[in-house]
């Protein structure tokens, strides 16, 4: 079900930005999550685009949420974290589901939304040589025509392997005003990018060229780093990462449960610094995505 405002915007050819809901239900603590969810939508609007937060509510996949639905996803205890494989199961059972990057991108492209803002991508996990643990986000991007604005991937992942997989899958990565691939809380993950862009107009030009060349069947990643003065202190980040990975291993946390565990660990142990960075990441990405969506809808 598409929210009337979103449906009208798409029909009129106006700019629309898809927003995931996992960050609302699983990525941010209550009661900050509901407030931030509204701020994210406001950032998209301020850029001139219409926000479309995506989730499954009472078994219905919804593209764009009214305030009641947003509150349900933010405040209910029975909201599942839903990737693409889980959508049909949650829908058939009439449940609530917060969509990951993969599920959000899938549902967005079903209605013709081609720009999406998130916090950080999923990727290849550090122990993937033994576990084969790789986020469904990467496979989704290999087959969906969507531009995703993110702050790179979280530092808990194998960044080098993730970039290698994106290359193999044919997913281009553009650094927005940076030559370095960001590491979510950190401006620089330590890995360089092949392509740098300076403006939303330049990104929109790449999107149009992809359409013309037939390469838009795959995703395009726009890596948008935090400003240096807003990133988490690198020394603190390294200490928390080592301690958080050890705590997760000690508690037997694995698979899809690792990310929310470590986010909560960072939020708690950093005294709120990582939470502030997390919120700034998604707000900046939402603003940039709105600007890109507007630019993409303008004639070259």
C-alpha atoms as a PDB file:
ATOM      1  CA  UNK A   1       0.000   0.000   0.000  1.00  0.00           C
ATOM      2  CA  UNK A   2       1.419   3.340  -1.074  1.00  0.00           C
ATOM      3  CA  UNK A   3       0.681   6.425   1.021  1.00  0.00           C
ATOM      4  CA  UNK A   4      -1.421   8.898  -1.015  1.00  0.00           C
ATOM      5  CA  UNK A   5       1.201  11.655  -0.766  1.00  0.00           C
ATOM      6  CA  UNK A   6       3.878   9.298  -2.086  1.00  0.00           C
ATOM      7  CA  UNK A   7       1.613   7.938  -4.828  1.00  0.00           C
ATOM      8  CA  UNK A   8       0.700  11.455  -5.964  1.00  0.00           C
ATOM      9  CA  UNK A   9       4.356  12.523  -6.002  1.00  0.00           C
ATOM     10  CA  UNK A  10       5.393   9.499  -8.058  1.00  0.00           C
ATOM     11  CA  UNK A  11       2.518   9.990 -10.508  1.00  0.00           C
ATOM     12  CA  UNK A  12       3.499  13.632 -10.967  1.00  0.00           C
ATOM     13  CA  UNK A  13       7.197  12.803 -11.399  1.00  0.00           C
ATOM     14  CA  UNK A  14       8.213  14.600  -8.216  1.00  0.00           C
ATOM     15  CA  UNK A  15      11.211  13.626  -6.106  1.00  0.00           C
ATOM     16  CA  UNK A  16      10.664  10.809  -3.586  1.00  0.00           C
ATOM     17  CA  UNK A  17      13.189   9.278  -1.175  1.00  0.00           C
ATOM     18  CA  UNK A  18      12.783   5.834   0.371  1.00  0.00           C
ATOM     19  CA  UNK A  19      13.688   5.455   4.053  1.00  0.00           C
ATOM     20  CA  UNK A  20      14.259   2.216   5.934  1.00  0.00           C
ATOM     21  CA  UNK A  21      12.505   1.431   9.203  1.00  0.00           C
ATOM     22  CA  UNK A  22      14.992  -0.901  10.910  1.00  0.00           C
ATOM     23  CA  UNK A  23      16.880   2.127  12.168  1.00  0.00           C
ATOM     24  CA  UNK A  24      13.659   3.237  13.882  1.00  0.00           C
ATOM     25  CA  UNK A  25      12.801  -0.060  15.548  1.00  0.00           C
ATOM     26  CA  UNK A  26      16.222  -1.625  16.126  1.00  0.00           C
ATOM     27  CA  UNK A  27      18.907   1.005  15.518  1.00  0.00           C
ATOM     28  CA  UNK A  28      17.946   3.782  17.905  1.00  0.00           C
ATOM     29  CA  UNK A  29      16.829   3.687  21.550  1.00  0.00           C
ATOM     30  CA  UNK A  30      13.395   4.770  22.700  1.00  0.00           C
ATOM     31  CA  UNK A  31      12.070   7.426  22.926  1.00  0.00           C
ATOM     32  CA  UNK A  32      14.681   9.042  20.655  1.00  0.00           C
ATOM     33  CA  UNK A  33      13.748   6.759  17.779  1.00  0.00           C
ATOM     34  CA  UNK A  34      10.309   8.252  17.093  1.00  0.00           C
ATOM     35  CA  UNK A  35      11.580  11.819  17.321  1.00  0.00           C
ATOM     36  CA  UNK A  36      14.489  11.044  15.000  1.00  0.00           C
ATOM     37  CA  UNK A  37      12.217   9.219  12.542  1.00  0.00           C
ATOM     38  CA  UNK A  38      10.201  12.413  12.181  1.00  0.00           C
ATOM     39  CA  UNK A  39      13.386  14.467  11.853  1.00  0.00           C
ATOM     40  CA  UNK A  40      14.628  12.176   9.080  1.00  0.00           C
ATOM     41  CA  UNK A  41      11.422  12.711   7.114  1.00  0.00           C
ATOM     42  CA  UNK A  42      11.687  16.462   7.757  1.00  0.00           C
ATOM     43  CA  UNK A  43      15.245  16.477   6.362  1.00  0.00           C
ATOM     44  CA  UNK A  44      14.000  14.906   3.129  1.00  0.00           C
ATOM     45  CA  UNK A  45      11.213  17.475   2.887  1.00  0.00           C
ATOM     46  CA  UNK A  46      13.622  20.342   3.550  1.00  0.00           C
ATOM     47  CA  UNK A  47      15.604  19.189   0.513  1.00  0.00           C
ATOM     48  CA  UNK A  48      12.484  19.396  -1.650  1.00  0.00           C
ATOM     49  CA  UNK A  49      11.523  15.712  -1.823  1.00  0.00           C
ATOM     50  CA  UNK A  50       8.756  13.541  -0.367  1.00  0.00           C
ATOM     51  CA  UNK A  51       9.816  10.971   2.255  1.00  0.00           C
ATOM     52  CA  UNK A  52       8.582   7.375   1.971  1.00  0.00           C
ATOM     53  CA  UNK A  53       9.394   5.456   5.147  1.00  0.00           C
ATOM     54  CA  UNK A  54       8.843   1.770   4.392  1.00  0.00           C
ATOM     55  CA  UNK A  55       7.655  -0.954   6.758  1.00  0.00           C
ATOM     56  CA  UNK A  56       5.225  -3.837   7.125  1.00  0.00           C
ATOM     57  CA  UNK A  57       2.325  -2.820   9.377  1.00  0.00           C
ATOM     58  CA  UNK A  58      -0.260  -5.428  10.400  1.00  0.00           C
ATOM     59  CA  UNK A  59       0.774  -7.600   7.474  1.00  0.00           C
ATOM     60  CA  UNK A  60       0.666  -4.856   4.851  1.00  0.00           C
ATOM     61  CA  UNK A  61       3.801  -3.567   3.127  1.00  0.00           C
ATOM     62  CA  UNK A  62       3.461   0.188   3.311  1.00  0.00           C
ATOM     63  CA  UNK A  63       5.370   2.685   1.189  1.00  0.00           C
ATOM     64  CA  UNK A  64       5.148   5.807   3.280  1.00  0.00           C
ATOM     65  CA  UNK A  65       3.811   5.819   6.839  1.00  0.00           C
ATOM     66  CA  UNK A  66       1.287   8.064   8.510  1.00  0.00           C
ATOM     67  CA  UNK A  67       2.026   9.140  12.071  1.00  0.00           C
ATOM     68  CA  UNK A  68       0.065   6.262  13.621  1.00  0.00           C
ATOM     69  CA  UNK A  69       1.994   3.657  11.626  1.00  0.00           C
ATOM     70  CA  UNK A  70       5.282   5.369  12.414  1.00  0.00           C
ATOM     71  CA  UNK A  71       4.467   5.151  16.116  1.00  0.00           C
ATOM     72  CA  UNK A  72       3.613   1.455  15.784  1.00  0.00           C
ATOM     73  CA  UNK A  73       7.009   0.682  14.259  1.00  0.00           C
ATOM     74  CA  UNK A  74       8.844   2.862  16.782  1.00  0.00           C
ATOM     75  CA  UNK A  75       7.057   1.850  19.958  1.00  0.00           C
ATOM     76  CA  UNK A  76       5.810  -1.738  19.655  1.00  0.00           C
ATOM     77  CA  UNK A  77       7.814  -4.629  21.094  1.00  0.00           C
ATOM     78  CA  UNK A  78       6.648  -7.106  18.436  1.00  0.00           C
ATOM     79  CA  UNK A  79       8.302  -5.524  15.396  1.00  0.00           C
ATOM     80  CA  UNK A  80      10.498  -8.001  13.515  1.00  0.00           C
ATOM     81  CA  UNK A  81      13.640  -7.051  11.620  1.00  0.00           C
ATOM     82  CA  UNK A  82      12.664  -7.945   8.061  1.00  0.00           C
ATOM     83  CA  UNK A  83      14.961  -8.620   5.121  1.00  0.00           C
ATOM     84  CA  UNK A  84      13.679  -9.529   1.664  1.00  0.00           C
ATOM     85  CA  UNK A  85      13.346 -13.228   2.486  1.00  0.00           C
ATOM     86  CA  UNK A  86      11.162 -12.418   5.516  1.00  0.00           C
ATOM     87  CA  UNK A  87       8.649 -10.093   3.869  1.00  0.00           C
ATOM     88  CA  UNK A  88       6.139 -12.722   2.769  1.00  0.00           C
ATOM     89  CA  UNK A  89       6.230 -14.581   6.088  1.00  0.00           C
ATOM     90  CA  UNK A  90       5.582 -11.450   8.163  1.00  0.00           C
ATOM     91  CA  UNK A  91       2.874 -10.295   5.746  1.00  0.00           C
ATOM     92  CA  UNK A  92       1.109 -13.672   5.760  1.00  0.00           C
ATOM     93  CA  UNK A  93       1.058 -13.692   9.561  1.00  0.00           C
ATOM     94  CA  UNK A  94      -0.269 -10.146   9.788  1.00  0.00           C
ATOM     95  CA  UNK A  95       2.797  -8.985  11.702  1.00  0.00           C
ATOM     96  CA  UNK A  96       4.780  -5.783  11.990  1.00  0.00           C
ATOM     97  CA  UNK A  97       8.139  -5.663  10.223  1.00  0.00           C
ATOM     98  CA  UNK A  98      10.892  -3.051  10.102  1.00  0.00           C
ATOM     99  CA  UNK A  99      12.617  -3.263   6.743  1.00  0.00           C
ATOM    100  CA  UNK A 100      16.371  -3.593   6.273  1.00  0.00           C
ATOM    101  CA  UNK A 101      18.267  -2.007   3.395  1.00  0.00           C
ATOM    102  CA  UNK A 102      17.554  -5.044   1.207  1.00  0.00           C
ATOM    103  CA  UNK A 103      13.822  -5.163   1.942  1.00  0.00           C
ATOM    104  CA  UNK A 104      13.419  -1.393   1.725  1.00  0.00           C
ATOM    105  CA  UNK A 105      15.193  -1.263  -1.636  1.00  0.00           C
ATOM    106  CA  UNK A 106      13.041  -4.131  -2.938  1.00  0.00           C
ATOM    107  CA  UNK A 107       9.753  -2.495  -1.957  1.00  0.00           C
ATOM    108  CA  UNK A 108      10.872   0.964  -3.089  1.00  0.00           C
ATOM    109  CA  UNK A 109      11.733  -0.199  -6.584  1.00  0.00           C
ATOM    110  CA  UNK A 110       8.387  -1.998  -6.849  1.00  0.00           C
ATOM    111  CA  UNK A 111       6.667   1.394  -6.959  1.00  0.00           C
ATOM    112  CA  UNK A 112       9.346   3.263  -8.910  1.00  0.00           C
ATOM    113  CA  UNK A 113      11.348   4.995  -6.168  1.00  0.00           C
ATOM    114  CA  UNK A 114      14.993   5.175  -7.236  1.00  0.00           C
ATOM    115  CA  UNK A 115      16.701   7.091  -4.390  1.00  0.00           C
ATOM    116  CA  UNK A 116      17.083   5.707  -0.881  1.00  0.00           C
ATOM    117  CA  UNK A 117      18.717   7.076   2.287  1.00  0.00           C
ATOM    118  CA  UNK A 118      20.034   4.846   5.039  1.00  0.00           C
ATOM    119  CA  UNK A 119      22.675   4.951   7.768  1.00  0.00           C
ATOM    120  CA  UNK A 120      25.173   2.260   6.816  1.00  0.00           C
ATOM    121  CA  UNK A 121      25.120  -0.680   4.433  1.00  0.00           C
ATOM    122  CA  UNK A 122      25.387  -4.268   5.499  1.00  0.00           C
ATOM    123  CA  UNK A 123      28.356  -6.147   4.119  1.00  0.00           C
ATOM    124  CA  UNK A 124      30.734  -9.047   4.507  1.00  0.00           C
ATOM    125  CA  UNK A 125      31.295 -10.019   8.141  1.00  0.00           C
ATOM    126  CA  UNK A 126      34.804 -10.452   9.524  1.00  0.00           C
ATOM    127  CA  UNK A 127      34.384 -14.174  10.091  1.00  0.00           C
ATOM    128  CA  UNK A 128      32.825 -14.798   6.664  1.00  0.00           C
ATOM    129  CA  UNK A 129      35.602 -17.186   5.594  1.00  0.00           C
ATOM    130  CA  UNK A 130      34.216 -19.620   8.160  1.00  0.00           C
ATOM    131  CA  UNK A 131      30.563 -18.612   8.419  1.00  0.00           C
ATOM    132  CA  UNK A 132      29.719 -17.330   4.910  1.00  0.00           C
ATOM    133  CA  UNK A 133      28.000 -14.455   6.715  1.00  0.00           C
ATOM    134  CA  UNK A 134      27.269 -11.764   4.161  1.00  0.00           C
ATOM    135  CA  UNK A 135      24.464  -9.226   4.286  1.00  0.00           C
ATOM    136  CA  UNK A 136      21.550  -9.602   1.889  1.00  0.00           C
ATOM    137  CA  UNK A 137      22.002  -5.874   1.228  1.00  0.00           C
ATOM    138  CA  UNK A 138      24.808  -6.649  -1.211  1.00  0.00           C
ATOM    139  CA  UNK A 139      22.781  -9.144  -3.238  1.00  0.00           C
ATOM    140  CA  UNK A 140      19.847  -6.739  -3.326  1.00  0.00           C
ATOM    141  CA  UNK A 141      22.048  -3.961  -4.680  1.00  0.00           C
ATOM    142  CA  UNK A 142      23.329  -6.292  -7.379  1.00  0.00           C
ATOM    143  CA  UNK A 143      19.847  -6.577  -8.896  1.00  0.00           C
ATOM    144  CA  UNK A 144      17.825  -3.470  -7.985  1.00  0.00           C
ATOM    145  CA  UNK A 145      17.832  -0.117  -9.835  1.00  0.00           C
ATOM    146  CA  UNK A 146      18.287   2.176  -6.850  1.00  0.00           C
ATOM    147  CA  UNK A 147      20.738   4.822  -5.644  1.00  0.00           C
ATOM    148  CA  UNK A 148      21.568   4.383  -1.966  1.00  0.00           C
ATOM    149  CA  UNK A 149      23.051   7.186   0.123  1.00  0.00           C
ATOM    150  CA  UNK A 150      24.926   5.815   3.135  1.00  0.00           C
ATOM    151  CA  UNK A 151      27.906   6.417   5.421  1.00  0.00           C
ATOM    152  CA  UNK A 152      29.746   3.367   4.098  1.00  0.00           C
ATOM    153  CA  UNK A 153      29.580   0.223   6.195  1.00  0.00           C
ATOM    154  CA  UNK A 154      29.807  -0.288   9.927  1.00  0.00           C
ATOM    155  CA  UNK A 155      33.277  -0.908  11.310  1.00  0.00           C
ATOM    156  CA  UNK A 156      32.264  -4.317  12.665  1.00  0.00           C
ATOM    157  CA  UNK A 157      32.408  -5.608   9.088  1.00  0.00           C
ATOM    158  CA  UNK A 158      35.242  -6.626   6.794  1.00  0.00           C
ATOM    159  CA  UNK A 159      35.440  -3.401   4.817  1.00  0.00           C
ATOM    160  CA  UNK A 160      37.941  -4.625   2.228  1.00  0.00           C
ATOM    161  CA  UNK A 161      35.904  -7.750   1.493  1.00  0.00           C
ATOM    162  CA  UNK A 162      32.709  -5.703   1.277  1.00  0.00           C
ATOM    163  CA  UNK A 163      34.203  -3.333  -1.289  1.00  0.00           C
ATOM    164  CA  UNK A 164      35.535  -6.312  -3.261  1.00  0.00           C
ATOM    165  CA  UNK A 165      32.077  -7.915  -3.281  1.00  0.00           C
ATOM    166  CA  UNK A 166      30.450  -4.679  -4.434  1.00  0.00           C
ATOM    167  CA  UNK A 167      32.923  -4.533  -7.313  1.00  0.00           C
ATOM    168  CA  UNK A 168      32.292  -8.163  -8.253  1.00  0.00           C
ATOM    169  CA  UNK A 169      28.529  -7.608  -8.148  1.00  0.00           C
ATOM    170  CA  UNK A 170      28.838  -4.594 -10.447  1.00  0.00           C
ATOM    171  CA  UNK A 171      27.749  -2.030  -7.857  1.00  0.00           C
ATOM    172  CA  UNK A 172      29.526   1.299  -8.332  1.00  0.00           C
ATOM    173  CA  UNK A 173      30.507   3.360  -5.279  1.00  0.00           C
ATOM    174  CA  UNK A 174      30.807   7.153  -5.458  1.00  0.00           C
ATOM    175  CA  UNK A 175      32.466   9.155  -2.696  1.00  0.00           C
ATOM    176  CA  UNK A 176      30.552  12.360  -2.039  1.00  0.00           C
ATOM    177  CA  UNK A 177      33.253  15.014  -1.716  1.00  0.00           C
ATOM    178  CA  UNK A 178      35.692  12.371  -0.510  1.00  0.00           C
ATOM    179  CA  UNK A 179      38.252   9.955  -1.919  1.00  0.00           C
ATOM    180  CA  UNK A 180      37.927   7.670   1.098  1.00  0.00           C
ATOM    181  CA  UNK A 181      35.292   5.067   1.860  1.00  0.00           C
ATOM    182  CA  UNK A 182      33.676   6.078   5.163  1.00  0.00           C
ATOM    183  CA  UNK A 183      33.396   3.671   8.085  1.00  0.00           C
ATOM    184  CA  UNK A 184      30.045   4.786   9.482  1.00  0.00           C
ATOM    185  CA  UNK A 185      31.101   6.420  12.783  1.00  0.00           C
ATOM    186  CA  UNK A 186      34.442   7.276  11.168  1.00  0.00           C
ATOM    187  CA  UNK A 187      35.002   9.567   8.208  1.00  0.00           C
ATOM    188  CA  UNK A 188      37.637   7.240   6.736  1.00  0.00           C
ATOM    189  CA  UNK A 189      37.595   3.431   6.945  1.00  0.00           C
ATOM    190  CA  UNK A 190      41.140   3.269   5.605  1.00  0.00           C
ATOM    191  CA  UNK A 191      40.150   2.313   2.046  1.00  0.00           C
ATOM    192  CA  UNK A 192      40.237   4.528  -1.025  1.00  0.00           C
ATOM    193  CA  UNK A 193      37.501   4.890  -3.627  1.00  0.00           C
ATOM    194  CA  UNK A 194      37.876   4.995  -7.383  1.00  0.00           C
ATOM    195  CA  UNK A 195      35.292   7.694  -7.982  1.00  0.00           C
ATOM    196  CA  UNK A 196      34.582  11.028  -6.315  1.00  0.00           C
ATOM    197  CA  UNK A 197      31.650  13.377  -6.983  1.00  0.00           C
ATOM    198  CA  UNK A 198      31.187  16.941  -5.790  1.00  0.00           C
ATOM    199  CA  UNK A 199      27.467  17.645  -6.158  1.00  0.00           C
ATOM    200  CA  UNK A 200      23.987  16.168  -6.327  1.00  0.00           C
ATOM    201  CA  UNK A 201      23.824  17.304  -9.948  1.00  0.00           C
ATOM    202  CA  UNK A 202      26.885  15.214 -10.757  1.00  0.00           C
ATOM    203  CA  UNK A 203      25.316  12.170  -9.088  1.00  0.00           C
ATOM    204  CA  UNK A 204      22.096  12.753 -11.031  1.00  0.00           C
ATOM    205  CA  UNK A 205      24.136  12.857 -14.245  1.00  0.00           C
ATOM    206  CA  UNK A 206      25.650   9.489 -13.367  1.00  0.00           C
ATOM    207  CA  UNK A 207      22.155   8.116 -12.743  1.00  0.00           C
ATOM    208  CA  UNK A 208      20.978   9.312 -16.160  1.00  0.00           C
ATOM    209  CA  UNK A 209      24.079   7.873 -17.841  1.00  0.00           C
ATOM    210  CA  UNK A 210      23.394   4.522 -16.162  1.00  0.00           C
ATOM    211  CA  UNK A 211      19.903   4.526 -17.659  1.00  0.00           C
ATOM    212  CA  UNK A 212      21.224   5.354 -21.103  1.00  0.00           C
ATOM    213  CA  UNK A 213      23.914   2.655 -20.935  1.00  0.00           C
ATOM    214  CA  UNK A 214      21.677  -0.056 -19.489  1.00  0.00           C
ATOM    215  CA  UNK A 215      23.663  -0.416 -16.257  1.00  0.00           C
ATOM    216  CA  UNK A 216      20.912   0.931 -13.969  1.00  0.00           C
ATOM    217  CA  UNK A 217      19.656  -2.581 -13.260  1.00  0.00           C
ATOM    218  CA  UNK A 218      22.160  -2.630 -10.395  1.00  0.00           C
ATOM    219  CA  UNK A 219      22.393  -0.317  -7.424  1.00  0.00           C
ATOM    220  CA  UNK A 220      24.571   2.763  -7.102  1.00  0.00           C
ATOM    221  CA  UNK A 221      26.115   3.571  -3.716  1.00  0.00           C
ATOM    222  CA  UNK A 222      26.806   7.166  -2.700  1.00  0.00           C
ATOM    223  CA  UNK A 223      29.173   7.189   0.281  1.00  0.00           C
ATOM    224  CA  UNK A 224      28.567  10.304   2.378  1.00  0.00           C
ATOM    225  CA  UNK A 225      31.013  10.660   5.292  1.00  0.00           C
ATOM    226  CA  UNK A 226      30.452  12.531   8.528  1.00  0.00           C
ATOM    227  CA  UNK A 227      32.291  15.831   8.810  1.00  0.00           C
ATOM    228  CA  UNK A 228      35.600  15.304  10.604  1.00  0.00           C
ATOM    229  CA  UNK A 229      34.483  17.278  13.658  1.00  0.00           C
ATOM    230  CA  UNK A 230      31.371  15.091  14.045  1.00  0.00           C
ATOM    231  CA  UNK A 231      32.896  11.647  13.721  1.00  0.00           C
ATOM    232  CA  UNK A 232      33.435   9.439  16.758  1.00  0.00           C
ATOM    233  CA  UNK A 233      36.900   9.852  18.274  1.00  0.00           C
ATOM    234  CA  UNK A 234      39.004   7.230  16.401  1.00  0.00           C
ATOM    235  CA  UNK A 235      40.802   6.085  19.561  1.00  0.00           C
ATOM    236  CA  UNK A 236      37.535   5.614  21.430  1.00  0.00           C
ATOM    237  CA  UNK A 237      36.066   3.859  18.407  1.00  0.00           C
ATOM    238  CA  UNK A 238      38.889   1.306  18.291  1.00  0.00           C
ATOM    239  CA  UNK A 239      38.622   0.566  22.013  1.00  0.00           C
ATOM    240  CA  UNK A 240      34.858   0.116  21.828  1.00  0.00           C
ATOM    241  CA  UNK A 241      35.097  -2.065  18.739  1.00  0.00           C
ATOM    242  CA  UNK A 242      37.545  -4.477  20.355  1.00  0.00           C
ATOM    243  CA  UNK A 243      35.533  -4.590  23.578  1.00  0.00           C
ATOM    244  CA  UNK A 244      32.207  -4.910  21.749  1.00  0.00           C
ATOM    245  CA  UNK A 245      33.358  -7.796  19.550  1.00  0.00           C
ATOM    246  CA  UNK A 246      34.677  -9.583  22.636  1.00  0.00           C
ATOM    247  CA  UNK A 247      31.410  -8.976  24.492  1.00  0.00           C
ATOM    248  CA  UNK A 248      29.363 -10.295  21.561  1.00  0.00           C
ATOM    249  CA  UNK A 249      31.491 -13.433  21.331  1.00  0.00           C
ATOM    250  CA  UNK A 250      31.256 -13.966  25.082  1.00  0.00           C
ATOM    251  CA  UNK A 251      27.479 -13.647  24.997  1.00  0.00           C
ATOM    252  CA  UNK A 252      27.173 -16.040  22.053  1.00  0.00           C
ATOM    253  CA  UNK A 253      25.779 -13.313  19.793  1.00  0.00           C
ATOM    254  CA  UNK A 254      26.099 -14.102  16.088  1.00  0.00           C
ATOM    255  CA  UNK A 255      24.565 -13.486  12.674  1.00  0.00           C
ATOM    256  CA  UNK A 256      21.982 -10.743  12.282  1.00  0.00           C
ATOM    257  CA  UNK A 257      21.950 -10.127  16.049  1.00  0.00           C
ATOM    258  CA  UNK A 258      25.530  -8.829  16.074  1.00  0.00           C
ATOM    259  CA  UNK A 259      24.794  -5.407  14.578  1.00  0.00           C
ATOM    260  CA  UNK A 260      22.050  -4.328  17.021  1.00  0.00           C
ATOM    261  CA  UNK A 261      24.103  -5.745  19.916  1.00  0.00           C
ATOM    262  CA  UNK A 262      27.166  -3.722  18.947  1.00  0.00           C
ATOM    263  CA  UNK A 263      25.162  -0.564  18.231  1.00  0.00           C
ATOM    264  CA  UNK A 264      23.682  -0.758  21.718  1.00  0.00           C
ATOM    265  CA  UNK A 265      27.140  -1.494  23.154  1.00  0.00           C
ATOM    266  CA  UNK A 266      28.609   1.556  21.398  1.00  0.00           C
ATOM    267  CA  UNK A 267      25.712   3.762  22.477  1.00  0.00           C
ATOM    268  CA  UNK A 268      26.025   2.691  26.099  1.00  0.00           C
ATOM    269  CA  UNK A 269      29.803   2.659  26.450  1.00  0.00           C
ATOM    270  CA  UNK A 270      30.501   5.863  24.513  1.00  0.00           C
ATOM    271  CA  UNK A 271      28.331   7.934  26.833  1.00  0.00           C
ATOM    272  CA  UNK A 272      26.026   8.902  23.984  1.00  0.00           C
ATOM    273  CA  UNK A 273      28.741   9.988  21.521  1.00  0.00           C
ATOM    274  CA  UNK A 274      28.032   7.176  19.065  1.00  0.00           C
ATOM    275  CA  UNK A 275      24.286   7.787  19.269  1.00  0.00           C
ATOM    276  CA  UNK A 276      24.800  11.440  18.373  1.00  0.00           C
ATOM    277  CA  UNK A 277      26.982  10.381  15.427  1.00  0.00           C
ATOM    278  CA  UNK A 278      24.425   7.793  14.336  1.00  0.00           C
ATOM    279  CA  UNK A 279      21.654  10.375  14.282  1.00  0.00           C
ATOM    280  CA  UNK A 280      23.765  12.881  12.356  1.00  0.00           C
ATOM    281  CA  UNK A 281      24.650  10.200   9.814  1.00  0.00           C
ATOM    282  CA  UNK A 282      21.066   9.435   8.870  1.00  0.00           C
ATOM    283  CA  UNK A 283      19.984  13.083   8.907  1.00  0.00           C
ATOM    284  CA  UNK A 284      22.829  14.119   6.599  1.00  0.00           C
ATOM    285  CA  UNK A 285      22.143  11.156   4.310  1.00  0.00           C
ATOM    286  CA  UNK A 286      18.426  11.961   4.173  1.00  0.00           C
ATOM    287  CA  UNK A 287      19.184  15.555   3.231  1.00  0.00           C
ATOM    288  CA  UNK A 288      21.649  14.525   0.514  1.00  0.00           C
ATOM    289  CA  UNK A 289      19.274  11.878  -0.847  1.00  0.00           C
ATOM    290  CA  UNK A 290      16.502  14.463  -1.098  1.00  0.00           C
ATOM    291  CA  UNK A 291      18.804  16.795  -2.996  1.00  0.00           C
ATOM    292  CA  UNK A 292      19.838  13.971  -5.351  1.00  0.00           C
ATOM    293  CA  UNK A 293      16.224  12.972  -5.989  1.00  0.00           C
ATOM    294  CA  UNK A 294      15.351  16.552  -6.875  1.00  0.00           C
ATOM    295  CA  UNK A 295      18.380  16.867  -9.171  1.00  0.00           C
ATOM    296  CA  UNK A 296      17.592  13.527 -10.842  1.00  0.00           C
ATOM    297  CA  UNK A 297      14.147  14.782 -11.749  1.00  0.00           C
ATOM    298  CA  UNK A 298      15.448  17.888 -13.464  1.00  0.00           C
ATOM    299  CA  UNK A 299      16.289  18.013 -17.147  1.00  0.00           C
ATOM    300  CA  UNK A 300      20.042  17.845 -17.855  1.00  0.00           C
END
